[in-house]
């Protein structure tokens, strides 16, 4: 049986999960968390949709101001994860 993880740990691992970068134990813990947490399932669906959208567009299709705002959003998310706060 896997040790339960909280939402903060689950959200911090979502991108690695999508990239197939989690080891067996971490993957099992995240999947167990996602099996009951609707909030984190929503975060996962958002990450999948964002990834799909970004993959369907090339950088040249995004206006410079949109690209800058996306970069700022991603940087802010990364900083909040580094501080251990919720996104």
C-alpha atoms as a PDB file:
ATOM      1  CA  UNK A   1       0.000   0.000   0.000  1.00  0.00           C
ATOM      2  CA  UNK A   2       1.276   3.459  -0.875  1.00  0.00           C
ATOM      3  CA  UNK A   3       1.637   6.316   1.567  1.00  0.00           C
ATOM      4  CA  UNK A   4      -0.964   9.031   0.906  1.00  0.00           C
ATOM      5  CA  UNK A   5       0.258  12.392  -0.337  1.00  0.00           C
ATOM      6  CA  UNK A   6      -1.411  15.778  -0.048  1.00  0.00           C
ATOM      7  CA  UNK A   7      -2.544  18.167  -2.740  1.00  0.00           C
ATOM      8  CA  UNK A   8       0.611  20.277  -2.550  1.00  0.00           C
ATOM      9  CA  UNK A   9       2.833  17.279  -3.297  1.00  0.00           C
ATOM     10  CA  UNK A  10       0.444  16.015  -5.974  1.00  0.00           C
ATOM     11  CA  UNK A  11       0.338  19.331  -7.840  1.00  0.00           C
ATOM     12  CA  UNK A  12       4.127  19.658  -7.618  1.00  0.00           C
ATOM     13  CA  UNK A  13       4.477  16.299  -9.406  1.00  0.00           C
ATOM     14  CA  UNK A  14       1.870  16.751 -12.159  1.00  0.00           C
ATOM     15  CA  UNK A  15       4.241  17.890 -14.918  1.00  0.00           C
ATOM     16  CA  UNK A  16       6.700  15.087 -14.168  1.00  0.00           C
ATOM     17  CA  UNK A  17       3.758  12.682 -14.230  1.00  0.00           C
ATOM     18  CA  UNK A  18       2.693  13.959 -17.653  1.00  0.00           C
ATOM     19  CA  UNK A  19       6.284  13.628 -18.866  1.00  0.00           C
ATOM     20  CA  UNK A  20       6.415  10.024 -17.582  1.00  0.00           C
ATOM     21  CA  UNK A  21       9.219  11.147 -15.293  1.00  0.00           C
ATOM     22  CA  UNK A  22       8.042   9.730 -11.954  1.00  0.00           C
ATOM     23  CA  UNK A  23       9.469   6.549 -10.500  1.00  0.00           C
ATOM     24  CA  UNK A  24       7.152   3.699  -9.522  1.00  0.00           C
ATOM     25  CA  UNK A  25       6.473   4.763  -5.923  1.00  0.00           C
ATOM     26  CA  UNK A  26       5.913   8.442  -6.719  1.00  0.00           C
ATOM     27  CA  UNK A  27       3.686   7.528  -9.664  1.00  0.00           C
ATOM     28  CA  UNK A  28       1.635   5.137  -7.523  1.00  0.00           C
ATOM     29  CA  UNK A  29       1.226   7.757  -4.793  1.00  0.00           C
ATOM     30  CA  UNK A  30       0.109  10.388  -7.275  1.00  0.00           C
ATOM     31  CA  UNK A  31      -2.307   8.011  -9.012  1.00  0.00           C
ATOM     32  CA  UNK A  32      -3.766   7.024  -5.621  1.00  0.00           C
ATOM     33  CA  UNK A  33      -4.241  10.706  -4.762  1.00  0.00           C
ATOM     34  CA  UNK A  34      -5.839  11.445  -8.139  1.00  0.00           C
ATOM     35  CA  UNK A  35      -8.249   8.556  -7.611  1.00  0.00           C
ATOM     36  CA  UNK A  36     -10.073  10.529  -4.897  1.00  0.00           C
ATOM     37  CA  UNK A  37      -9.121  14.214  -5.231  1.00  0.00           C
ATOM     38  CA  UNK A  38     -11.343  16.117  -7.648  1.00  0.00           C
ATOM     39  CA  UNK A  39      -9.333  19.324  -7.234  1.00  0.00           C
ATOM     40  CA  UNK A  40      -6.087  17.722  -8.323  1.00  0.00           C
ATOM     41  CA  UNK A  41      -7.834  15.904 -11.170  1.00  0.00           C
ATOM     42  CA  UNK A  42      -8.918  19.345 -12.352  1.00  0.00           C
ATOM     43  CA  UNK A  43      -5.318  20.562 -12.108  1.00  0.00           C
ATOM     44  CA  UNK A  44      -4.211  17.550 -14.151  1.00  0.00           C
ATOM     45  CA  UNK A  45      -6.833  18.199 -16.828  1.00  0.00           C
ATOM     46  CA  UNK A  46      -5.798  21.858 -16.965  1.00  0.00           C
ATOM     47  CA  UNK A  47      -2.136  20.846 -17.391  1.00  0.00           C
ATOM     48  CA  UNK A  48      -3.060  18.393 -20.150  1.00  0.00           C
ATOM     49  CA  UNK A  49      -5.142  21.008 -21.962  1.00  0.00           C
ATOM     50  CA  UNK A  50      -2.432  23.656 -21.619  1.00  0.00           C
ATOM     51  CA  UNK A  51       0.148  21.222 -22.943  1.00  0.00           C
ATOM     52  CA  UNK A  52      -2.137  20.325 -25.861  1.00  0.00           C
ATOM     53  CA  UNK A  53      -2.751  23.987 -26.665  1.00  0.00           C
ATOM     54  CA  UNK A  54       0.924  24.893 -26.520  1.00  0.00           C
ATOM     55  CA  UNK A  55       1.878  21.887 -28.646  1.00  0.00           C
ATOM     56  CA  UNK A  56      -0.649  22.897 -31.299  1.00  0.00           C
ATOM     57  CA  UNK A  57       0.814  26.387 -31.590  1.00  0.00           C
ATOM     58  CA  UNK A  58       4.239  27.510 -32.578  1.00  0.00           C
ATOM     59  CA  UNK A  59       5.861  30.397 -30.817  1.00  0.00           C
ATOM     60  CA  UNK A  60       5.377  32.581 -33.889  1.00  0.00           C
ATOM     61  CA  UNK A  61       1.580  32.252 -33.617  1.00  0.00           C
ATOM     62  CA  UNK A  62       1.497  33.856 -30.192  1.00  0.00           C
ATOM     63  CA  UNK A  63       1.551  37.628 -29.994  1.00  0.00           C
ATOM     64  CA  UNK A  64       4.577  38.860 -28.014  1.00  0.00           C
ATOM     65  CA  UNK A  65       2.456  40.149 -25.114  1.00  0.00           C
ATOM     66  CA  UNK A  66       0.686  36.792 -24.760  1.00  0.00           C
ATOM     67  CA  UNK A  67       4.013  34.971 -24.821  1.00  0.00           C
ATOM     68  CA  UNK A  68       5.365  37.295 -22.114  1.00  0.00           C
ATOM     69  CA  UNK A  69       2.282  36.761 -19.922  1.00  0.00           C
ATOM     70  CA  UNK A  70       2.570  32.977 -20.344  1.00  0.00           C
ATOM     71  CA  UNK A  71       6.249  33.094 -19.403  1.00  0.00           C
ATOM     72  CA  UNK A  72       5.413  35.198 -16.323  1.00  0.00           C
ATOM     73  CA  UNK A  73       2.635  32.786 -15.323  1.00  0.00           C
ATOM     74  CA  UNK A  74       4.919  29.774 -15.653  1.00  0.00           C
ATOM     75  CA  UNK A  75       7.736  31.534 -13.779  1.00  0.00           C
ATOM     76  CA  UNK A  76       5.314  32.506 -10.984  1.00  0.00           C
ATOM     77  CA  UNK A  77       4.062  28.938 -10.735  1.00  0.00           C
ATOM     78  CA  UNK A  78       7.616  27.584 -10.562  1.00  0.00           C
ATOM     79  CA  UNK A  79       8.533  30.111  -7.872  1.00  0.00           C
ATOM     80  CA  UNK A  80       5.471  29.232  -5.771  1.00  0.00           C
ATOM     81  CA  UNK A  81       6.371  25.530  -6.002  1.00  0.00           C
ATOM     82  CA  UNK A  82       9.927  26.295  -4.880  1.00  0.00           C
ATOM     83  CA  UNK A  83       8.611  28.111  -1.809  1.00  0.00           C
ATOM     84  CA  UNK A  84       6.250  25.247  -0.982  1.00  0.00           C
ATOM     85  CA  UNK A  85       3.093  27.299  -1.378  1.00  0.00           C
ATOM     86  CA  UNK A  86      -0.058  26.378  -3.222  1.00  0.00           C
ATOM     87  CA  UNK A  87      -0.232  27.650  -6.831  1.00  0.00           C
END
